[in-house]
N, C-alpha and C. Protein backbone atom coordinates (compact mmCIF):
# COMPACT_ATOMS: atom_id res chain seq x y z
N MET A 1 -11.33 66.35 170.64
CA MET A 1 -12.73 65.97 170.58
C MET A 1 -12.89 64.54 170.07
N LYS A 2 -12.06 64.14 169.12
CA LYS A 2 -12.15 62.78 168.59
C LYS A 2 -11.86 61.75 169.67
N THR A 3 -10.95 62.09 170.58
CA THR A 3 -10.60 61.18 171.68
C THR A 3 -11.81 60.95 172.57
N ILE A 4 -12.54 62.00 172.87
CA ILE A 4 -13.72 61.88 173.72
C ILE A 4 -14.79 61.04 173.04
N VAL A 5 -15.02 61.29 171.77
CA VAL A 5 -16.02 60.53 171.01
C VAL A 5 -15.65 59.05 170.98
N ARG A 6 -14.37 58.76 170.76
CA ARG A 6 -13.91 57.37 170.75
C ARG A 6 -14.11 56.70 172.10
N ARG A 7 -13.77 57.43 173.17
CA ARG A 7 -13.92 56.88 174.53
C ARG A 7 -15.39 56.63 174.85
N LEU A 8 -16.26 57.56 174.48
CA LEU A 8 -17.70 57.36 174.69
C LEU A 8 -18.20 56.15 173.92
N GLY A 9 -17.71 55.97 172.72
CA GLY A 9 -18.08 54.79 171.93
C GLY A 9 -17.68 53.50 172.61
N ARG A 10 -16.48 53.48 173.19
CA ARG A 10 -16.03 52.28 173.91
C ARG A 10 -16.88 52.01 175.14
N LEU A 11 -17.21 53.07 175.89
CA LEU A 11 -18.07 52.91 177.07
C LEU A 11 -19.45 52.40 176.69
N GLU A 12 -20.01 52.92 175.60
CA GLU A 12 -21.31 52.44 175.15
C GLU A 12 -21.24 50.98 174.75
N ASP A 13 -20.16 50.59 174.08
CA ASP A 13 -20.00 49.19 173.70
C ASP A 13 -19.90 48.29 174.92
N GLN A 14 -19.28 48.81 176.00
CA GLN A 14 -19.08 48.02 177.20
C GLN A 14 -20.37 47.88 178.00
N PHE A 15 -21.17 48.93 178.08
CA PHE A 15 -22.33 48.92 178.96
C PHE A 15 -23.67 48.75 178.26
N VAL A 16 -23.73 48.86 176.96
CA VAL A 16 -24.98 48.67 176.22
C VAL A 16 -24.84 47.39 175.40
N PRO A 17 -25.83 46.51 175.46
CA PRO A 17 -25.73 45.30 174.65
C PRO A 17 -25.59 45.65 173.17
N PRO A 18 -24.86 44.84 172.41
CA PRO A 18 -24.61 45.16 171.00
C PRO A 18 -25.88 45.28 170.17
N ASP A 19 -26.93 44.55 170.51
CA ASP A 19 -28.16 44.63 169.72
C ASP A 19 -29.13 45.67 170.27
N HIS A 20 -28.71 46.44 171.29
CA HIS A 20 -29.48 47.51 171.91
C HIS A 20 -30.82 47.04 172.47
N LYS A 21 -30.94 45.75 172.75
CA LYS A 21 -32.13 45.23 173.42
C LYS A 21 -31.91 45.32 174.92
N ALA A 22 -32.97 45.18 175.65
CA ALA A 22 -32.84 45.22 177.11
C ALA A 22 -32.01 44.04 177.60
N ARG A 23 -31.21 44.27 178.61
CA ARG A 23 -30.40 43.21 179.19
C ARG A 23 -31.27 42.21 179.93
N LYS A 24 -30.77 40.98 180.02
CA LYS A 24 -31.45 40.01 180.87
C LYS A 24 -31.25 40.45 182.31
N CYS A 25 -32.24 40.21 183.12
CA CYS A 25 -32.19 40.66 184.50
C CYS A 25 -32.61 39.53 185.42
N PHE A 26 -31.87 39.37 186.50
CA PHE A 26 -32.20 38.41 187.54
C PHE A 26 -32.35 39.19 188.83
N ARG A 27 -33.56 39.19 189.41
CA ARG A 27 -33.82 39.96 190.61
C ARG A 27 -34.17 39.01 191.76
N LEU A 28 -33.44 39.15 192.86
CA LEU A 28 -33.70 38.39 194.07
C LEU A 28 -34.21 39.37 195.12
N ILE A 29 -35.40 39.10 195.66
CA ILE A 29 -35.99 39.98 196.66
C ILE A 29 -36.00 39.25 197.99
N VAL A 30 -35.41 39.87 199.00
CA VAL A 30 -35.33 39.31 200.34
C VAL A 30 -36.24 40.16 201.24
N CYS A 31 -37.10 39.50 202.01
CA CYS A 31 -38.03 40.19 202.90
C CYS A 31 -37.89 39.67 204.32
N ARG A 32 -38.12 40.55 205.27
CA ARG A 32 -38.17 40.14 206.66
C ARG A 32 -39.56 39.58 206.95
N TYR A 33 -39.62 38.41 207.55
CA TYR A 33 -40.89 37.75 207.81
C TYR A 33 -41.75 38.60 208.74
N GLY A 34 -43.00 38.82 208.34
CA GLY A 34 -43.94 39.54 209.18
C GLY A 34 -43.95 41.04 208.99
N ALA A 35 -42.96 41.59 208.34
CA ALA A 35 -42.91 43.05 208.14
C ALA A 35 -43.66 43.42 206.88
N LYS A 36 -44.23 44.61 206.87
CA LYS A 36 -44.89 45.11 205.67
C LYS A 36 -43.82 45.50 204.67
N LYS A 37 -44.05 45.18 203.42
CA LYS A 37 -43.04 45.41 202.40
C LYS A 37 -43.11 46.86 201.90
N GLY A 38 -42.20 47.69 202.37
CA GLY A 38 -42.13 49.08 201.96
C GLY A 38 -40.72 49.44 201.52
N LEU A 39 -40.59 50.57 200.87
CA LEU A 39 -39.29 50.99 200.34
C LEU A 39 -38.52 51.90 201.30
N GLU A 40 -39.11 52.26 202.45
CA GLU A 40 -38.46 53.22 203.34
C GLU A 40 -37.15 52.69 203.92
N ASN A 41 -37.03 51.41 204.22
CA ASN A 41 -35.79 50.84 204.76
C ASN A 41 -35.15 49.86 203.80
N ALA A 42 -35.54 49.90 202.55
CA ALA A 42 -35.09 48.92 201.56
C ALA A 42 -33.66 49.21 201.09
N THR A 43 -33.01 48.16 200.61
CA THR A 43 -31.67 48.29 200.03
C THR A 43 -31.66 47.64 198.65
N CYS A 44 -30.72 48.04 197.82
CA CYS A 44 -30.62 47.47 196.48
C CYS A 44 -29.17 47.49 196.02
N LYS A 45 -28.75 46.42 195.38
CA LYS A 45 -27.43 46.36 194.77
C LYS A 45 -27.60 45.72 193.40
N ARG A 46 -27.10 46.40 192.37
CA ARG A 46 -27.18 45.90 190.99
C ARG A 46 -25.77 45.65 190.48
N THR A 47 -25.55 44.47 189.92
CA THR A 47 -24.22 44.10 189.44
C THR A 47 -24.34 43.53 188.03
N LEU A 48 -23.39 43.89 187.19
CA LEU A 48 -23.34 43.36 185.82
C LEU A 48 -22.55 42.07 185.82
N GLY A 49 -23.18 40.99 185.40
CA GLY A 49 -22.52 39.69 185.33
C GLY A 49 -21.64 39.57 184.10
N PRO A 50 -20.79 38.54 184.05
CA PRO A 50 -19.87 38.38 182.92
C PRO A 50 -20.58 38.14 181.59
N ASP A 51 -21.81 37.61 181.63
CA ASP A 51 -22.53 37.35 180.39
C ASP A 51 -23.46 38.51 180.00
N GLY A 52 -23.40 39.62 180.75
CA GLY A 52 -24.22 40.79 180.45
C GLY A 52 -25.53 40.83 181.21
N THR A 53 -25.79 39.85 182.04
CA THR A 53 -27.00 39.83 182.85
C THR A 53 -26.86 40.78 184.03
N VAL A 54 -27.89 41.54 184.29
CA VAL A 54 -27.90 42.43 185.45
C VAL A 54 -28.51 41.64 186.61
N MET A 55 -27.72 41.50 187.68
CA MET A 55 -28.20 40.78 188.87
C MET A 55 -28.56 41.82 189.93
N GLU A 56 -29.79 41.76 190.41
CA GLU A 56 -30.29 42.74 191.37
C GLU A 56 -30.63 42.04 192.68
N LEU A 57 -30.11 42.55 193.77
CA LEU A 57 -30.42 42.04 195.10
C LEU A 57 -31.17 43.14 195.84
N VAL A 58 -32.44 42.90 196.13
CA VAL A 58 -33.30 43.89 196.77
C VAL A 58 -33.67 43.36 198.14
N GLY A 59 -33.44 44.17 199.16
CA GLY A 59 -33.83 43.82 200.52
C GLY A 59 -34.97 44.72 200.97
N LEU A 60 -36.15 44.15 201.17
CA LEU A 60 -37.30 44.91 201.63
C LEU A 60 -37.45 44.69 203.13
N TYR A 61 -36.80 45.55 203.89
CA TYR A 61 -36.83 45.45 205.34
C TYR A 61 -37.77 46.50 205.87
N GLY A 62 -39.06 46.29 205.67
CA GLY A 62 -40.07 47.26 206.05
C GLY A 62 -40.26 47.31 207.55
N SER A 63 -41.22 48.08 207.95
CA SER A 63 -41.56 48.20 209.37
C SER A 63 -42.99 47.70 209.55
N ASN A 64 -43.52 47.85 210.73
CA ASN A 64 -44.90 47.45 210.98
C ASN A 64 -45.87 48.57 210.65
N GLU A 65 -45.37 49.74 210.26
CA GLU A 65 -46.21 50.83 209.80
C GLU A 65 -45.99 51.02 208.31
N GLY A 66 -46.81 51.85 207.72
CA GLY A 66 -46.63 52.17 206.32
C GLY A 66 -47.54 51.36 205.41
N PRO A 67 -47.33 51.49 204.09
CA PRO A 67 -48.19 50.79 203.14
C PRO A 67 -48.05 49.27 203.26
N GLU A 68 -49.09 48.60 202.89
CA GLU A 68 -49.13 47.13 203.00
C GLU A 68 -48.21 46.45 201.99
N ARG A 69 -48.12 47.00 200.79
CA ARG A 69 -47.29 46.34 199.78
C ARG A 69 -46.77 47.35 198.76
N VAL A 70 -45.81 46.90 197.99
CA VAL A 70 -45.20 47.72 196.94
C VAL A 70 -45.63 47.12 195.61
N THR A 71 -46.08 47.95 194.68
CA THR A 71 -46.45 47.45 193.36
C THR A 71 -45.21 47.16 192.53
N ALA A 72 -45.36 46.35 191.52
CA ALA A 72 -44.24 46.00 190.64
C ALA A 72 -43.69 47.24 189.94
N GLU A 73 -44.58 48.14 189.55
CA GLU A 73 -44.14 49.37 188.86
C GLU A 73 -43.32 50.25 189.79
N GLU A 74 -43.76 50.39 191.04
CA GLU A 74 -43.02 51.19 192.02
C GLU A 74 -41.64 50.59 192.26
N LEU A 75 -41.60 49.27 192.41
CA LEU A 75 -40.33 48.60 192.65
C LEU A 75 -39.39 48.75 191.46
N ASP A 76 -39.91 48.59 190.24
CA ASP A 76 -39.08 48.75 189.04
C ASP A 76 -38.49 50.15 188.94
N ARG A 77 -39.33 51.17 189.21
CA ARG A 77 -38.84 52.56 189.17
C ARG A 77 -37.78 52.80 190.23
N TRP A 78 -38.01 52.28 191.43
CA TRP A 78 -37.07 52.47 192.53
C TRP A 78 -35.74 51.79 192.24
N VAL A 79 -35.79 50.55 191.75
CA VAL A 79 -34.56 49.81 191.45
C VAL A 79 -33.78 50.47 190.32
N ALA A 80 -34.48 51.02 189.33
CA ALA A 80 -33.81 51.66 188.19
C ALA A 80 -32.99 52.87 188.62
N GLY A 81 -33.26 53.42 189.79
CA GLY A 81 -32.50 54.57 190.28
C GLY A 81 -31.12 54.21 190.82
N PHE A 82 -30.81 52.93 190.94
CA PHE A 82 -29.51 52.51 191.46
C PHE A 82 -28.57 52.22 190.30
N PRO A 83 -27.29 52.59 190.43
CA PRO A 83 -26.34 52.33 189.35
C PRO A 83 -26.01 50.84 189.25
N ILE A 84 -25.64 50.42 188.07
CA ILE A 84 -25.20 49.04 187.85
C ILE A 84 -23.69 49.01 188.05
N GLU A 85 -23.26 48.23 189.03
CA GLU A 85 -21.83 48.14 189.33
C GLU A 85 -21.19 47.08 188.43
N VAL A 86 -19.99 47.40 187.99
CA VAL A 86 -19.22 46.45 187.19
C VAL A 86 -18.09 45.95 188.09
N PRO A 87 -18.10 44.66 188.44
CA PRO A 87 -17.05 44.16 189.33
C PRO A 87 -15.67 44.26 188.69
N ALA A 88 -14.68 44.51 189.52
CA ALA A 88 -13.30 44.58 189.02
C ALA A 88 -12.88 43.21 188.55
N ARG A 89 -12.21 43.17 187.44
CA ARG A 89 -11.72 41.90 186.92
C ARG A 89 -10.45 41.50 187.64
N THR A 90 -10.41 40.28 188.06
CA THR A 90 -9.22 39.79 188.75
C THR A 90 -8.54 38.77 187.89
N GLY A 91 -7.27 38.65 188.09
CA GLY A 91 -6.50 37.68 187.32
C GLY A 91 -6.08 38.25 185.98
N ARG A 92 -5.30 37.47 185.28
CA ARG A 92 -4.81 37.90 183.96
C ARG A 92 -5.44 37.07 182.88
N ALA A 93 -5.67 37.69 181.77
CA ALA A 93 -6.18 36.95 180.62
C ALA A 93 -5.06 36.12 180.02
N ILE A 94 -5.40 34.93 179.64
CA ILE A 94 -4.36 34.03 179.07
C ILE A 94 -4.49 34.02 177.58
């Protein structure tokens, strides 16, 4: 049991900022010109940067039908449903 608790502690240290404040976030939203901005065909990728910043790439590839726009609250809730990927580290530490 102690091994599991220790491992969970390490994972929390890795994925939660030390001061337990919200991470800095950089969100880039890409839209198709002329299409209505909806979440039905949207894509999202979230990546953890080396400095702890979460970088989000959102593609709003809507159609000509559906709602006219997406509210900020709807978009935030939708994006929060995607996992934050941690890129594999390459190279050796010197």
